Amino acid sequence: MKQTRTNRHHANVCLIPIFFFVMGILVTAGAPAQAEPMTEGGEWHTVSLHSNGTVWTWGANASGQLGDGTTVGKRTPVPVSGLTGVTAVAAGSWHTLALKSDGTVRAWGSNLYGQLGDGTTNDRSTPVTVSSLSGVVAVAGGEYHSLALKSNGTVWAWGRNNYGQLGIGSTRDKTKPTQVSGLSGVVAIGAGTFHSIALKSDGTVWAWGANKYGQLGDNSTTTRLSPVQVLNAGGGGFTGAMAIAVGGWHNLVIKTDNSVWAWGLNDSGQLGINSLTNKLTPVQVSTISNIQKVAAGKDHSVALRGDCAVRAWGLNTDGQLGDGTTTLRKVPVAVLQVGDVISIGAGNYHSAAITAGCTMQTWGDNSEGQLGNNTTIDSSLPVEVIIPPATPFELGDCVFPDRDGDGIPDSCDNCPDHCNTQQGDADNDGIGDVCDIDPGCGGCGQPQCEQEC
C-alpha cells in the first residue's frame, strides 16, 4: 500500500478498503498490523517510527535520548537498541517515549525529574519500561514530564511538577505514573514546556499546569494544579475539537470543520493571527483551511492541508518554517520544496515531514545534527534525511487510511470522503472541486464565500 505521486494522481478506480484505524495502527482485513510511520522532535533530537515497528533517532544525545546505548550525538539515523513492536513515539526536550503494541511504554534519555517513569532519577541510554503502566494507547512528552492515555480514557502523568503539569492537585514531582485528577473520556493528549492538554471524546479540551501566557485557555493566567476546561471567547466551553498539538507555551486545535484554532504565547507569531498578542482563549488561525494534521515546536507551528501541502508560521530564526528565509511569520506561509506530505512533526526549533514517497524531510535548526543530513548546518528549506550505507533504515510501506478508496491517503486527499482521483482544485484553496461548495472562489473559510465540505 505504498503511496507514490504516480499512483496517487493516476488511479482510475475507487475501491473502498476494509480497515480499522486505532491510534496510529492501520489493520487491514487479512493482513498483519503495521505501525503508521511518524516523526517527532525534541529540543535537539529527532525520532522516527517505521511501519515495521522499529524506532530510529538522530541529533543530540548528551542524556542518552537517542537510545542507542551511548551519549554520543549522531548526524544520521541510528536504531534504538532492542526496541520492536512500537506503534507510536513521542519526544520530550531531552527524553523519548515509545508505545508498544502490547500497551506498555518504554522511555529513555534524561531522567532528572523522573520523566522516564521507572521509579528513579537516573538517565538511561537504552529503553526502560515505565513502571506499573498498561493498556496505553497514546503518549506525550513535555520538557521534563510525560503523559500516557489509557484505553479507558484516563490520563497518567509523571516527572517534573513544579507548575502542576502532572494534574494531580499538587506540585510534587513523580518518578512513577500517577492518574491525572478528575479526567475521563479522553481521546488525545499533549505536553508543553510546563503544561498539559487533553482532548475529550465530546470535543472539549482540558488543560493544566503553568498559565503565565494564557496557555491553559481558561481566560486567565492562573496556574492550575488540576484540569480546567478551555473556554471560548464568550466564556462557554470550547467545543468541536478533533485533534490537538502542544508547543512550548501555546496550543493548536483542529476543529471538525478542519479549521485551526490557537491560544497562549504569541511573541513570535506562533498563533498565526497576524499579531504578536497573547491570547487567553482560542482564536482562529488566519488564511488556512482543510487542515488534517498540526504540529507545534517551541515557538512555531506547522499544519498539513488536505492536498498534501504544508504551512508554517511563528519563529523562524533557524529556518524552521521552511520558506527559504529566517523571517518571522505572523500568518501561515508555504513550506517550499517539500513535495507531497503525509505526516508532519516539530521539534523545538526544527520541523520534519514524511512524504507520500516514504522519504523523510527536515528543516530548521541543525546545531546538533537533528536534521539527519550528516551536517550541522541549519537549513531554511527541506533537506532529505541521509541514510548511512548498509543501514536498514526504511520507513517501510506507507500504510495510511483511505476512506474513499481512491488510492490517495486521507491525510493527503483534498476531498477524503469522495472518490476524486484527479484531485482537481480550481481555486487552489486546498478543497477538492468535487466537495467544494464554490470551486471558483478562493476565499475558503469566509462565511460569505464558502464553507468546507
Protein backbone atom coordinates (compact mmCIF):
# COMPACT_ATOMS: atom_id res chain seq x y z
CA MET A 1 0.00 0.00 0.00
CA LYS A 2 2.91 2.34 -0.52
CA GLN A 3 1.63 5.60 -1.94
CA THR A 4 3.65 7.39 -4.60
CA ARG A 5 2.96 10.53 -6.54
CA THR A 6 2.28 8.49 -9.67
CA ASN A 7 -0.29 6.10 -8.25
CA ARG A 8 -1.89 8.86 -6.18
CA HIS A 9 -2.84 11.01 -9.12
CA HIS A 10 -3.47 8.41 -11.81
CA ALA A 11 -5.59 5.83 -10.05
CA ASN A 12 -8.73 5.26 -12.10
CA VAL A 13 -10.92 3.25 -9.74
CA CYS A 14 -12.18 3.72 -6.22
CA LEU A 15 -12.27 0.57 -4.14
CA ILE A 16 -13.28 1.01 -0.52
CA PRO A 17 -10.81 -0.95 1.66
CA ILE A 18 -11.88 -2.73 4.84
CA PHE A 19 -9.80 -1.48 7.77
CA PHE A 20 -9.82 -0.29 11.32
CA PHE A 21 -7.67 2.68 12.38
CA VAL A 22 -6.65 2.66 16.03
CA MET A 23 -4.13 5.14 17.45
CA GLY A 24 -1.50 5.02 14.72
CA ILE A 25 -2.02 1.41 13.58
CA LEU A 26 -3.78 0.51 10.38
CA VAL A 27 -5.17 -3.02 10.50
CA THR A 28 -6.35 -4.26 7.12
CA ALA A 29 -8.54 -7.35 6.94
CA GLY A 30 -6.40 -10.42 6.36
CA ALA A 31 -3.09 -8.54 6.76
CA PRO A 32 -0.68 -8.15 9.68
CA ALA A 33 -0.78 -4.94 11.66
CA GLN A 34 1.69 -2.22 10.71
CA ALA A 35 2.60 0.97 12.50
CA GLU A 36 1.88 4.23 10.73
CA PRO A 37 5.20 5.99 10.05
CA MET A 38 5.50 9.14 12.14
CA THR A 39 8.13 11.62 13.32
CA GLU A 40 8.60 13.84 16.39
CA GLY A 41 11.27 16.26 17.57
CA GLY A 42 12.75 17.19 20.92
CA GLU A 43 15.00 20.10 21.88
CA TRP A 44 17.81 18.97 19.58
CA HIS A 45 16.93 15.43 18.52
CA THR A 46 14.55 13.72 16.13
CA VAL A 47 12.76 10.38 16.39
CA SER A 48 11.01 8.40 13.66
CA LEU A 49 8.76 5.35 13.79
CA HIS A 50 8.77 2.94 10.88
CA SER A 51 5.99 0.67 9.69
CA ASN A 52 7.85 -2.42 10.92
CA GLY A 53 7.66 -1.12 14.49
CA THR A 54 11.29 -0.07 14.83
CA VAL A 55 12.39 3.35 16.06
CA TRP A 56 15.28 5.45 14.72
CA THR A 57 16.80 8.62 16.21
CA TRP A 58 19.43 11.26 15.50
CA GLY A 59 20.76 14.57 16.85
CA ALA A 60 21.86 15.48 20.37
CA ASN A 61 22.47 12.61 22.79
CA ALA A 62 24.10 14.02 25.93
CA SER A 63 21.37 12.48 28.10
CA GLY A 64 21.03 9.27 26.09
CA GLN A 65 17.87 10.49 24.35
CA LEU A 66 18.76 8.61 21.16
CA GLY A 67 18.52 5.29 22.99
CA ASP A 68 21.46 3.68 21.21
CA GLY A 69 23.40 2.82 24.36
CA THR A 70 25.73 5.84 24.10
CA THR A 71 25.73 9.55 24.90
CA VAL A 72 27.38 10.48 21.60
CA GLY A 73 25.36 12.63 19.21
CA LYS A 74 24.53 11.34 15.72
CA ARG A 75 24.11 13.28 12.48
CA THR A 76 22.32 10.43 10.70
CA PRO A 77 19.74 7.91 11.94
CA VAL A 78 20.61 5.09 14.34
CA PRO A 79 18.25 2.39 15.63
CA VAL A 80 17.06 2.46 19.22
CA SER A 81 18.58 -0.53 20.98
CA GLY A 82 16.45 -3.66 21.23
CA LEU A 83 13.15 -1.93 20.54
CA THR A 84 10.49 -3.51 18.30
CA GLY A 85 6.73 -3.69 18.13
CA VAL A 86 6.29 0.07 18.58
CA THR A 87 3.08 1.79 17.46
CA ALA A 88 3.72 5.43 18.47
CA VAL A 89 6.57 7.66 19.64
CA ALA A 90 6.87 10.98 21.46
CA ALA A 91 9.79 13.28 22.18
CA GLY A 92 10.31 15.39 25.27
CA SER A 93 13.03 18.00 25.30
CA TRP A 94 15.75 15.55 26.33
CA HIS A 95 13.91 12.25 26.64
CA THR A 96 11.98 9.95 24.32
CA LEU A 97 8.94 7.70 24.73
CA ALA A 98 7.71 4.69 22.76
CA LEU A 99 4.34 2.94 22.97
CA LYS A 100 4.43 -0.79 22.25
CA SER A 101 1.67 -2.82 20.66
CA ASP A 102 1.03 -4.58 23.98
CA GLY A 103 0.04 -1.27 25.60
CA THR A 104 3.21 -0.83 27.63
CA VAL A 105 5.57 2.16 27.38
CA ARG A 106 9.35 2.42 27.07
CA ALA A 107 11.39 5.55 27.86
CA TRP A 108 14.99 6.71 27.67
CA GLY A 109 17.15 9.82 27.97
CA SER A 110 17.17 12.48 30.66
CA ASN A 111 15.53 11.45 33.93
CA LEU A 112 16.40 14.40 36.15
CA TYR A 113 12.85 14.70 37.47
CA GLY A 114 11.68 11.12 36.98
CA GLN A 115 10.27 11.73 33.50
CA LEU A 116 11.19 8.19 32.42
CA GLY A 117 8.76 6.78 34.96
CA ASP A 118 10.96 3.92 36.15
CA GLY A 119 10.97 4.97 39.80
CA THR A 120 14.45 6.54 39.64
CA THR A 121 16.10 9.77 38.53
CA ASN A 122 18.90 8.04 36.63
CA ASP A 123 19.41 8.89 32.96
CA ARG A 124 19.05 5.93 30.59
CA SER A 125 20.78 5.49 27.23
CA THR A 126 18.66 2.45 26.34
CA PRO A 127 14.90 1.94 26.78
CA VAL A 128 13.45 1.07 30.19
CA THR A 129 9.89 0.09 30.99
CA VAL A 130 7.67 2.75 32.53
CA SER A 131 6.54 1.32 35.85
CA SER A 132 3.06 -0.09 36.50
CA LEU A 133 1.57 1.13 33.24
CA SER A 134 -0.50 -0.95 30.83
CA GLY A 135 -3.41 -0.52 28.45
CA VAL A 136 -1.84 2.63 26.97
CA VAL A 137 -2.97 3.96 23.58
CA ALA A 138 -1.05 7.27 23.34
CA VAL A 139 1.99 9.02 24.85
CA ALA A 140 3.26 12.61 25.01
CA GLY A 141 6.48 14.22 26.20
CA GLY A 142 6.96 17.69 27.71
CA GLU A 143 10.17 19.39 28.74
CA TYR A 144 10.62 17.33 31.90
CA HIS A 145 7.34 15.42 32.20
CA SER A 146 5.48 12.66 30.38
CA LEU A 147 1.85 11.69 29.78
CA ALA A 148 0.09 8.47 28.85
CA LEU A 149 -3.50 7.91 27.75
CA LYS A 150 -5.08 4.58 28.63
CA SER A 151 -7.73 2.77 26.61
CA ASN A 152 -10.27 3.53 29.36
CA GLY A 153 -9.93 7.28 28.69
CA THR A 154 -7.88 8.12 31.79
CA VAL A 155 -4.61 10.08 31.69
CA TRP A 156 -1.48 9.30 33.69
CA ALA A 157 1.48 11.61 34.30
CA TRP A 158 4.98 11.55 35.78
CA GLY A 159 8.13 13.65 36.00
CA ARG A 160 8.53 17.32 36.92
CA ASN A 161 5.52 19.01 38.51
CA ASN A 162 6.73 22.47 39.56
CA TYR A 163 3.72 24.14 37.90
CA GLY A 164 1.20 21.37 38.38
CA GLN A 165 1.75 20.00 34.88
CA LEU A 166 1.04 16.47 36.16
CA GLY A 167 -2.50 17.50 37.05
CA ILE A 168 -2.56 15.67 40.39
CA GLY A 169 -3.57 18.60 42.61
CA SER A 170 -0.05 19.27 43.94
CA THR A 171 3.39 20.41 42.76
CA ARG A 172 5.19 17.27 43.86
CA ASP A 173 7.36 15.50 41.27
CA LYS A 174 6.58 11.85 40.50
CA THR A 175 9.00 9.17 39.33
CA LYS A 176 6.16 6.77 38.53
CA PRO A 177 2.85 7.29 36.71
CA THR A 178 0.05 8.90 38.71
CA GLN A 179 -3.51 9.39 37.47
CA VAL A 180 -4.50 12.93 36.45
CA SER A 181 -7.28 14.15 38.72
CA GLY A 182 -10.91 14.07 37.63
CA LEU A 183 -10.30 13.42 33.95
CA SER A 184 -12.07 10.74 31.89
CA GLY A 185 -13.30 10.21 28.35
CA VAL A 186 -10.01 11.45 26.89
CA VAL A 187 -9.03 10.56 23.31
CA ALA A 188 -5.83 12.59 22.78
CA ILE A 189 -3.10 14.21 24.90
CA GLY A 190 -0.29 16.74 24.52
CA ALA A 191 2.51 18.12 26.68
CA GLY A 192 4.17 21.54 26.58
CA THR A 193 7.08 23.01 28.48
CA PHE A 194 5.24 23.21 31.81
CA HIS A 195 1.62 22.49 30.89
CA SER A 196 -0.53 19.65 29.56
CA ILE A 197 -3.61 19.35 27.32
CA ALA A 198 -6.27 16.67 26.84
CA LEU A 199 -8.99 16.29 24.21
CA LYS A 200 -12.17 14.52 25.32
CA SER A 201 -14.50 12.43 23.17
CA ASP A 202 -17.16 15.15 23.35
CA GLY A 203 -14.87 17.63 21.55
CA THR A 204 -13.99 19.65 24.64
CA VAL A 205 -10.40 20.46 25.60
CA TRP A 206 -8.93 20.47 29.11
CA ALA A 207 -5.64 21.90 30.37
CA TRP A 208 -3.49 22.16 33.49
CA GLY A 209 -0.11 23.44 34.68
CA ALA A 210 1.65 26.74 34.01
CA ASN A 211 -0.51 29.54 32.62
CA LYS A 212 1.67 32.64 32.51
CA TYR A 213 0.82 33.29 28.87
CA GLY A 214 -2.75 32.00 28.88
CA GLN A 215 -1.75 28.61 27.53
CA LEU A 216 -4.48 26.86 29.54
CA GLY A 217 -7.13 28.72 27.58
CA ASP A 218 -9.38 29.43 30.57
CA ASN A 219 -9.29 33.22 30.09
CA SER A 220 -6.83 33.68 32.93
CA THR A 221 -3.12 33.50 33.67
CA THR A 222 -3.59 31.45 36.84
CA THR A 223 -1.59 28.25 37.28
CA ARG A 224 -3.84 25.21 37.65
CA LEU A 225 -2.87 22.05 39.54
CA SER A 226 -5.73 20.03 38.08
CA PRO A 227 -7.57 20.14 34.73
CA VAL A 228 -9.76 23.09 33.75
CA GLN A 229 -11.86 23.40 30.62
CA VAL A 230 -10.61 25.52 27.72
CA LEU A 231 -13.14 28.28 27.10
CA ASN A 232 -14.35 30.13 24.03
CA ALA A 233 -14.29 33.91 23.73
CA GLY A 234 -17.79 34.16 25.15
CA GLY A 235 -16.92 32.29 28.32
CA GLY A 236 -18.56 28.98 27.44
CA GLY A 237 -16.72 25.74 26.87
CA PHE A 238 -14.70 25.47 23.66
CA THR A 239 -16.16 22.60 21.62
CA GLY A 240 -15.84 20.86 18.28
CA ALA A 241 -12.18 19.90 18.65
CA MET A 242 -10.94 16.74 16.94
CA ALA A 243 -7.12 16.99 17.16
CA ILE A 244 -4.57 18.85 19.29
CA ALA A 245 -0.91 19.83 19.25
CA VAL A 246 1.08 21.47 22.03
CA GLY A 247 4.07 23.80 21.69
CA GLY A 248 6.29 25.32 24.33
CA TRP A 249 3.70 27.77 25.64
CA HIS A 250 0.97 27.63 23.00
CA ASN A 251 -1.55 25.13 21.67
CA LEU A 252 -3.24 24.23 18.40
CA VAL A 253 -6.60 22.55 17.80
CA ILE A 254 -8.21 21.28 14.62
CA LYS A 255 -11.99 21.59 14.76
CA THR A 256 -14.44 19.31 13.00
CA ASP A 257 -14.71 21.81 10.13
CA ASN A 258 -10.92 21.42 9.64
CA SER A 259 -10.21 24.98 10.78
CA VAL A 260 -7.29 25.57 13.20
CA TRP A 261 -7.52 27.46 16.48
CA ALA A 262 -4.69 28.57 18.76
CA TRP A 263 -4.05 30.21 22.12
CA GLY A 264 -1.27 31.07 24.58
CA LEU A 265 2.06 32.78 23.98
CA ASN A 266 2.30 34.71 20.71
CA ASP A 267 5.52 36.70 20.96
CA SER A 268 6.79 35.14 17.73
CA GLY A 269 3.51 34.95 15.85
CA GLN A 270 3.08 31.26 16.65
CA LEU A 271 -0.69 31.66 16.92
CA GLY A 272 -0.90 32.65 13.26
CA ILE A 273 -3.34 35.54 13.79
CA ASN A 274 -1.28 38.35 12.22
CA SER A 275 -0.35 39.87 15.57
CA LEU A 276 2.06 39.31 18.46
CA THR A 277 -0.61 39.50 21.16
CA ASN A 278 -1.01 36.57 23.56
CA LYS A 279 -4.47 35.01 23.68
CA LEU A 280 -6.16 33.61 26.79
CA THR A 281 -8.81 31.70 24.80
CA PRO A 282 -8.72 30.08 21.35
CA VAL A 283 -8.71 32.23 18.22
CA GLN A 284 -8.88 31.04 14.62
CA VAL A 285 -5.61 30.86 12.69
CA SER A 286 -5.63 33.13 9.64
CA THR A 287 -5.78 32.10 5.98
CA ILE A 288 -5.72 28.30 6.31
CA SER A 289 -8.43 25.66 5.95
CA ASN A 290 -8.95 21.97 5.23
CA ILE A 291 -6.24 21.08 7.75
CA GLN A 292 -5.69 17.40 8.52
CA LYS A 293 -2.80 17.48 11.00
CA VAL A 294 -0.98 20.03 13.14
CA ALA A 295 2.35 20.06 14.97
CA ALA A 296 3.92 22.62 17.28
CA GLY A 297 7.51 23.48 18.12
CA LYS A 298 8.70 25.69 20.94
CA ASP A 299 7.65 28.91 19.20
CA HIS A 300 6.40 27.83 15.77
CA SER A 301 3.50 25.91 14.29
CA VAL A 302 3.07 23.55 11.33
CA ALA A 303 -0.09 22.37 9.54
CA LEU A 304 -0.75 19.76 6.86
CA ARG A 305 -3.51 20.58 4.36
CA GLY A 306 -5.79 18.03 2.77
CA ASP A 307 -3.93 18.38 -0.54
CA CYS A 308 -0.55 17.36 0.97
CA ALA A 309 0.73 20.95 1.15
CA VAL A 310 2.37 22.17 4.36
CA ARG A 311 2.01 25.58 6.00
CA ALA A 312 4.05 27.01 8.88
CA TRP A 313 4.18 30.18 10.99
CA GLY A 314 5.88 31.75 14.00
CA LEU A 315 9.55 31.96 14.96
CA ASN A 316 11.91 31.37 12.05
CA THR A 317 15.38 32.23 13.35
CA ASP A 318 16.74 28.84 12.27
CA GLY A 319 14.63 28.39 9.16
CA GLN A 320 12.11 26.15 10.94
CA LEU A 321 9.26 27.43 8.77
CA GLY A 322 10.88 26.03 5.63
CA ASP A 323 10.07 29.00 3.41
CA GLY A 324 13.66 29.72 2.39
CA THR A 325 14.06 32.62 4.83
CA THR A 326 14.68 33.27 8.52
CA THR A 327 11.88 35.86 8.71
CA LEU A 328 9.31 35.63 11.50
CA ARG A 329 5.84 34.96 10.10
CA LYS A 330 2.64 36.03 11.85
CA VAL A 331 0.42 34.20 9.36
CA PRO A 332 0.91 30.82 7.67
CA VAL A 333 3.32 30.54 4.75
CA ALA A 334 4.01 27.65 2.40
CA VAL A 335 6.82 25.23 3.19
CA LEU A 336 8.78 25.08 -0.06
CA GLN A 337 10.30 22.16 -1.96
CA VAL A 338 8.91 19.50 0.36
CA GLY A 339 6.72 17.55 -2.07
CA ASP A 340 3.55 15.68 -1.18
CA VAL A 341 3.49 15.22 2.59
CA ILE A 342 1.69 12.51 4.57
CA SER A 343 2.76 13.31 8.14
CA ILE A 344 4.42 16.19 9.99
CA GLY A 345 6.35 16.72 13.22
CA ALA A 346 8.10 19.54 15.02
CA GLY A 347 11.00 19.87 17.42
CA ASN A 348 11.78 22.94 19.44
CA TYR A 349 13.44 24.77 16.55
CA HIS A 350 13.17 22.36 13.64
CA SER A 351 10.45 20.62 11.64
CA ALA A 352 10.07 17.28 9.87
CA ALA A 353 7.81 15.61 7.34
CA ILE A 354 7.24 12.18 5.85
CA THR A 355 6.37 12.32 2.16
CA ALA A 356 3.97 10.23 0.13
CA GLY A 357 7.02 8.54 -1.38
CA CYS A 358 8.15 7.43 2.09
CA THR A 359 11.12 9.79 2.31
CA MET A 360 11.80 11.99 5.33
CA GLN A 361 12.43 15.72 5.00
CA THR A 362 13.66 18.07 7.75
CA TRP A 363 14.40 21.79 8.05
CA GLY A 364 15.43 24.41 10.61
CA ASP A 365 17.97 24.22 13.44
CA ASN A 366 20.72 21.66 12.85
CA SER A 367 23.19 22.60 15.56
CA GLU A 368 23.27 19.01 16.87
CA GLY A 369 22.67 17.16 13.62
CA GLN A 370 18.92 16.87 14.22
CA LEU A 371 18.15 17.32 10.52
CA GLY A 372 19.84 13.99 9.87
CA ASN A 373 21.68 15.10 6.73
CA ASN A 374 25.17 14.44 8.15
CA THR A 375 25.92 18.13 8.74
CA THR A 376 25.36 20.70 11.47
CA ILE A 377 24.32 23.45 9.07
CA ASP A 378 20.86 24.95 9.55
CA SER A 379 18.54 24.81 6.55
CA SER A 380 15.63 27.13 5.75
CA LEU A 381 14.45 24.68 3.08
CA PRO A 382 13.67 20.99 3.48
CA VAL A 383 16.58 18.56 3.19
CA GLU A 384 16.34 14.80 2.93
CA VAL A 385 17.46 12.68 5.85
CA ILE A 386 20.59 10.78 4.77
CA ILE A 387 20.59 7.04 5.17
CA PRO A 388 24.04 5.65 6.10
CA PRO A 389 25.34 2.96 3.70
CA ALA A 390 24.32 -0.62 4.57
CA THR A 391 21.85 0.65 7.18
CA PRO A 392 18.36 -0.89 7.10
CA PHE A 393 16.67 2.49 7.67
CA GLU A 394 13.40 2.20 5.80
CA LEU A 395 10.11 3.81 6.66
CA GLY A 396 8.53 0.75 5.09
CA ASP A 397 5.26 0.70 3.23
CA CYS A 398 3.41 3.93 3.94
CA VAL A 399 0.19 2.44 5.23
CA PHE A 400 -2.41 5.16 5.73
CA PRO A 401 -6.22 5.29 5.90
CA ASP A 402 -8.06 5.87 2.61
CA ARG A 403 -11.79 6.18 3.37
CA ASP A 404 -12.95 6.72 -0.21
CA GLY A 405 -10.66 4.11 -1.75
CA ASP A 406 -9.28 6.39 -4.47
CA GLY A 407 -5.65 5.47 -3.77
CA ILE A 408 -4.95 8.77 -2.02
CA PRO A 409 -4.39 8.68 1.77
CA ASP A 410 -6.96 10.67 3.75
CA SER A 411 -4.27 12.98 5.14
CA CYS A 412 -3.24 13.81 1.58
CA ASP A 413 -6.65 13.83 -0.11
CA ASN A 414 -8.25 17.20 -0.83
CA CYS A 415 -11.66 15.55 -0.55
CA PRO A 416 -11.22 12.38 1.54
CA ASP A 417 -14.88 11.29 1.55
CA HIS A 418 -15.45 11.45 -2.21
CA CYS A 419 -13.70 9.48 -4.95
CA ASN A 420 -11.54 12.17 -6.51
CA THR A 421 -8.59 10.63 -8.31
CA GLN A 422 -7.68 13.77 -10.26
CA GLN A 423 -7.51 16.00 -7.14
CA GLY A 424 -8.83 18.98 -9.08
CA ASP A 425 -8.78 22.28 -7.14
CA ALA A 426 -9.65 25.19 -9.42
CA ASP A 427 -9.40 27.91 -6.76
CA ASN A 428 -6.33 26.44 -5.02
CA ASP A 429 -7.89 26.56 -1.56
CA GLY A 430 -6.96 23.00 -0.61
CA ILE A 431 -10.53 21.69 -1.04
CA GLY A 432 -11.17 19.38 -3.99
CA ASP A 433 -13.61 20.64 -6.59
CA VAL A 434 -15.94 17.65 -6.07
CA CYS A 435 -16.69 18.73 -2.50
CA ASP A 436 -16.07 22.49 -2.68
CA ILE A 437 -19.29 24.48 -2.25
CA ASP A 438 -17.89 27.16 -4.56
CA PRO A 439 -14.93 25.75 -6.53
CA GLY A 440 -14.36 29.07 -8.27
CA CYS A 441 -13.89 31.06 -5.08
CA GLY A 442 -10.51 31.15 -3.36
CA GLY A 443 -11.80 32.67 -0.15
CA CYS A 444 -12.23 29.40 1.69
CA GLY A 445 -13.16 29.88 5.31
CA GLN A 446 -15.07 33.12 4.72
CA PRO A 447 -18.77 32.59 5.53
CA GLN A 448 -19.89 34.87 2.71
CA CYS A 449 -17.97 32.82 0.18
CA GLU A 450 -17.92 29.14 1.03
CA GLN A 451 -17.61 26.54 3.73
CA GLU A 452 -15.69 23.31 3.73
CA CYS A 453 -17.48 20.10 2.81
